[in-house]
């Protein structure tokens, strides 16, 4: 079956495919090694391959090499790529990891299995309506503005508990964890530790944190989902 699918995209069944296979093997081995070092259960670490701006051929190569979770940042791009891919590979789990506009809630709920960027009561209400309308309840992370940065999305730390309660109780959303993106010019570990602490305070088990450059630190501090893009697919065009 895999060979048949590879024939659809013959131009990638060489250097590019080998690169993706090598990178996935390397990252998964690193995850296992980090889990041994930090005494974590590697079965609880989920690798999200960030496929934004990547062409469908590369994504299918990654699926054929065993990758099961993919992350996207833009609704329009996701619809163009993933409706077709999901028909062929329904077992793949799709994660929305970009800023989600309220008017895109219906499309996000319909296409994605996980949404990592709930950050306001307004968006929670829109997701509630979408869940009822579409009859699908994706797993949702609340994004925390962990570094209090004006240019980044996420709920303020002092408003987090209120949003968690509102989303769970008032909106009946399936809130499963917290997500963050630390400041790019600072060491990430203190921010990952803080997110872990906030999750425990709010009774949440899952942490979506860590990217290509810092997923070791994220795993050490309790990540359950790490988001890796360039280290799998190479630099984006």
Protein backbone atom coordinates (compact mmCIF):
# COMPACT_ATOMS: atom_id res chain seq x y z
CA UNK A 1 0.00 0.00 0.00
CA UNK A 2 2.79 2.41 0.88
CA UNK A 3 4.59 1.76 -2.37
CA UNK A 4 1.43 2.44 -4.32
CA UNK A 5 1.00 5.80 -2.59
CA UNK A 6 4.63 6.73 -3.19
CA UNK A 7 4.14 6.23 -6.94
CA UNK A 8 1.70 9.14 -6.92
CA UNK A 9 4.61 11.48 -6.17
CA UNK A 10 7.67 9.93 -7.89
CA UNK A 11 9.74 13.12 -7.90
CA UNK A 12 9.96 13.01 -4.10
CA UNK A 13 10.87 9.35 -3.74
CA UNK A 14 14.60 10.04 -3.49
CA UNK A 15 16.55 12.76 -1.72
CA UNK A 16 13.58 14.58 -0.17
CA UNK A 17 11.88 11.40 1.02
CA UNK A 18 15.12 10.10 2.50
CA UNK A 19 15.66 13.41 4.30
CA UNK A 20 12.19 13.28 5.87
CA UNK A 21 12.64 9.64 6.91
CA UNK A 22 16.07 10.36 8.39
CA UNK A 23 14.84 13.43 10.27
CA UNK A 24 11.80 11.65 11.72
CA UNK A 25 13.98 8.77 12.87
CA UNK A 26 16.49 11.19 14.42
CA UNK A 27 13.87 13.22 16.28
CA UNK A 28 12.01 10.18 17.59
CA UNK A 29 15.30 8.73 18.79
CA UNK A 30 16.11 12.02 20.52
CA UNK A 31 12.71 12.03 22.21
CA UNK A 32 13.32 8.53 23.54
CA UNK A 33 16.82 9.50 24.70
CA UNK A 34 15.57 12.65 26.44
CA UNK A 35 12.85 10.65 28.16
CA UNK A 36 15.46 8.25 29.54
CA UNK A 37 17.61 11.13 30.78
CA UNK A 38 14.73 12.98 32.44
CA UNK A 39 12.83 9.87 33.55
CA UNK A 40 9.76 10.55 31.41
CA UNK A 41 7.47 8.07 29.67
CA UNK A 42 8.18 8.34 25.94
CA UNK A 43 4.73 6.92 25.18
CA UNK A 44 3.23 10.11 26.61
CA UNK A 45 5.21 12.41 24.31
CA UNK A 46 3.36 13.24 21.09
CA UNK A 47 5.39 14.61 18.19
CA UNK A 48 3.46 17.13 16.08
CA UNK A 49 5.03 17.61 12.64
CA UNK A 50 4.41 21.28 11.81
CA UNK A 51 3.49 21.20 8.13
CA UNK A 52 2.49 24.81 7.48
CA UNK A 53 3.58 25.95 3.99
CA UNK A 54 4.75 22.40 3.21
CA UNK A 55 3.44 20.81 0.04
CA UNK A 56 1.12 17.81 0.17
CA UNK A 57 3.74 15.50 -1.30
CA UNK A 58 6.08 16.04 1.64
CA UNK A 59 3.28 15.54 4.15
CA UNK A 60 2.29 12.24 2.55
CA UNK A 61 5.92 11.11 2.65
CA UNK A 62 5.96 11.78 6.40
CA UNK A 63 2.71 9.85 6.85
CA UNK A 64 4.14 6.94 4.91
CA UNK A 65 7.11 6.94 7.29
CA UNK A 66 4.80 6.62 10.30
CA UNK A 67 4.11 10.21 11.39
CA UNK A 68 0.57 10.48 12.83
CA UNK A 69 0.18 14.06 14.14
CA UNK A 70 0.48 17.24 12.06
CA UNK A 71 0.17 20.92 12.94
CA UNK A 72 -1.09 23.79 10.79
CA UNK A 73 -1.26 27.56 11.36
CA UNK A 74 -3.71 28.79 8.74
CA UNK A 75 -7.29 27.70 8.08
CA UNK A 76 -7.34 28.47 4.34
CA UNK A 77 -4.11 26.61 3.66
CA UNK A 78 -5.25 23.69 5.81
CA UNK A 79 -8.51 23.30 3.91
CA UNK A 80 -6.65 23.32 0.59
CA UNK A 81 -4.31 20.54 1.70
CA UNK A 82 -5.96 18.42 4.32
CA UNK A 83 -9.46 17.67 3.06
CA UNK A 84 -7.89 15.52 0.35
CA UNK A 85 -5.18 14.04 2.58
CA UNK A 86 -7.61 13.10 5.36
CA UNK A 87 -9.75 11.18 2.88
CA UNK A 88 -6.75 8.98 2.12
CA UNK A 89 -5.38 8.88 5.66
CA UNK A 90 -8.31 9.24 8.11
CA UNK A 91 -6.17 7.99 10.99
CA UNK A 92 -3.99 11.11 10.94
CA UNK A 93 -4.61 13.64 13.74
CA UNK A 94 -4.61 17.30 12.78
CA UNK A 95 -3.68 20.09 15.22
CA UNK A 96 -4.43 23.78 14.75
CA UNK A 97 -1.54 25.72 16.32
CA UNK A 98 -1.92 29.21 14.83
CA UNK A 99 -3.96 32.23 15.84
CA UNK A 100 -7.63 31.32 15.43
CA UNK A 101 -10.05 34.05 14.40
CA UNK A 102 -13.54 33.78 15.85
CA UNK A 103 -15.15 33.71 12.40
CA UNK A 104 -13.10 30.61 11.52
CA UNK A 105 -14.32 28.54 14.47
CA UNK A 106 -16.70 26.40 12.41
CA UNK A 107 -14.02 25.45 9.91
CA UNK A 108 -11.50 24.74 12.68
CA UNK A 109 -13.85 22.45 14.58
CA UNK A 110 -14.86 20.57 11.44
CA UNK A 111 -11.31 19.91 10.19
CA UNK A 112 -9.10 19.70 13.28
CA UNK A 113 -8.88 17.08 16.00
CA UNK A 114 -7.00 19.41 18.36
CA UNK A 115 -7.04 23.19 18.76
CA UNK A 116 -4.08 24.59 20.70
CA UNK A 117 -4.85 28.31 20.69
CA UNK A 118 -7.99 29.15 22.64
CA UNK A 119 -7.18 32.49 24.29
CA UNK A 120 -10.41 34.40 25.01
CA UNK A 121 -14.00 34.04 26.17
CA UNK A 122 -15.17 35.37 22.81
CA UNK A 123 -13.40 32.55 20.99
CA UNK A 124 -14.66 30.03 23.55
CA UNK A 125 -18.26 31.04 22.81
CA UNK A 126 -17.65 30.72 19.06
CA UNK A 127 -16.13 27.28 19.53
CA UNK A 128 -19.10 26.29 21.70
CA UNK A 129 -21.50 27.21 18.89
CA UNK A 130 -19.38 25.36 16.34
CA UNK A 131 -19.22 22.22 18.50
CA UNK A 132 -23.00 22.14 18.84
CA UNK A 133 -23.56 22.89 15.16
CA UNK A 134 -21.10 20.32 13.81
CA UNK A 135 -21.53 17.76 16.62
CA UNK A 136 -17.80 17.32 17.06
CA UNK A 137 -15.83 18.18 20.21
CA UNK A 138 -12.10 18.53 19.50
CA UNK A 139 -9.51 18.47 22.26
CA UNK A 140 -8.61 22.05 23.14
CA UNK A 141 -5.58 23.69 24.73
CA UNK A 142 -5.67 27.18 26.20
CA UNK A 143 -2.79 29.30 24.95
CA UNK A 144 -1.06 31.29 27.70
CA UNK A 145 0.90 34.46 26.95
CA UNK A 146 3.64 33.08 29.15
CA UNK A 147 6.10 35.94 28.58
CA UNK A 148 3.52 38.74 28.68
CA UNK A 149 4.45 39.81 25.14
CA UNK A 150 2.21 42.29 23.35
CA UNK A 151 2.85 40.80 19.91
CA UNK A 152 1.85 37.26 20.89
CA UNK A 153 -1.53 35.67 21.40
CA UNK A 154 -2.59 33.94 24.57
CA UNK A 155 -4.51 34.69 27.71
CA UNK A 156 -2.75 36.65 30.45
CA UNK A 157 -1.59 34.53 33.37
CA UNK A 158 -3.81 36.37 35.85
CA UNK A 159 -6.86 35.67 33.65
CA UNK A 160 -6.12 32.02 32.99
CA UNK A 161 -8.13 30.41 35.82
CA UNK A 162 -11.21 32.40 34.85
CA UNK A 163 -10.93 31.36 31.20
CA UNK A 164 -10.39 27.69 32.11
CA UNK A 165 -13.52 27.72 34.25
CA UNK A 166 -15.57 29.59 31.64
CA UNK A 167 -14.52 27.31 28.79
CA UNK A 168 -15.17 24.14 30.79
CA UNK A 169 -18.29 25.03 32.74
CA UNK A 170 -20.10 27.66 30.68
CA UNK A 171 -19.10 26.43 27.23
CA UNK A 172 -18.66 22.69 27.96
CA UNK A 173 -15.52 22.58 25.82
CA UNK A 174 -13.10 19.67 25.98
CA UNK A 175 -10.20 21.51 27.63
CA UNK A 176 -7.24 19.15 27.94
CA UNK A 177 -4.20 21.33 28.59
CA UNK A 178 -2.17 24.50 28.18
CA UNK A 179 0.02 25.75 25.34
CA UNK A 180 2.73 28.39 25.20
CA UNK A 181 5.45 29.93 23.04
CA UNK A 182 8.23 31.39 25.21
CA UNK A 183 10.01 34.64 24.31
CA UNK A 184 12.45 33.91 21.49
CA UNK A 185 15.37 35.84 23.01
CA UNK A 186 15.32 34.17 26.43
CA UNK A 187 16.00 30.73 27.87
CA UNK A 188 12.76 28.72 27.52
CA UNK A 189 13.07 26.51 30.61
CA UNK A 190 11.68 28.97 33.20
CA UNK A 191 8.63 29.55 31.00
CA UNK A 192 8.08 25.81 30.47
CA UNK A 193 8.33 25.29 34.24
CA UNK A 194 5.79 28.06 34.80
CA UNK A 195 3.34 26.55 32.30
CA UNK A 196 3.67 23.19 34.07
CA UNK A 197 2.88 24.88 37.39
CA UNK A 198 -0.14 26.69 35.92
CA UNK A 199 -1.48 23.46 34.44
CA UNK A 200 -1.30 21.71 37.81
CA UNK A 201 -3.02 24.62 39.52
CA UNK A 202 -5.88 24.38 37.03
CA UNK A 203 -6.20 20.59 37.03
CA UNK A 204 -4.91 20.11 33.47
CA UNK A 205 -2.63 17.23 32.46
CA UNK A 206 -1.35 18.11 28.98
CA UNK A 207 1.27 20.65 27.97
CA UNK A 208 1.82 21.73 24.36
CA UNK A 209 5.27 23.33 24.39
CA UNK A 210 8.64 22.99 22.74
CA UNK A 211 9.67 23.40 19.11
CA UNK A 212 12.62 22.37 16.94
CA UNK A 213 15.19 24.34 18.96
CA UNK A 214 13.98 23.62 22.50
CA UNK A 215 11.96 20.42 22.67
CA UNK A 216 14.56 18.80 24.95
CA UNK A 217 13.93 21.44 27.63
CA UNK A 218 10.18 21.08 27.09
CA UNK A 219 10.28 17.32 27.61
CA UNK A 220 12.39 17.75 30.74
CA UNK A 221 9.73 20.07 32.16
CA UNK A 222 6.65 18.00 31.38
CA UNK A 223 5.64 18.51 27.74
CA UNK A 224 3.19 16.01 26.33
CA UNK A 225 3.02 17.56 22.84
CA UNK A 226 6.08 19.02 21.07
CA UNK A 227 5.74 20.96 17.82
CA UNK A 228 8.58 20.36 15.36
CA UNK A 229 8.66 21.67 11.78
CA UNK A 230 11.97 22.62 10.20
CA UNK A 231 13.83 19.76 11.87
CA UNK A 232 11.56 17.36 9.99
CA UNK A 233 10.82 19.01 6.65
CA UNK A 234 13.80 21.34 6.33
CA UNK A 235 13.63 25.11 6.16
CA UNK A 236 10.38 26.50 4.82
CA UNK A 237 10.39 28.28 1.49
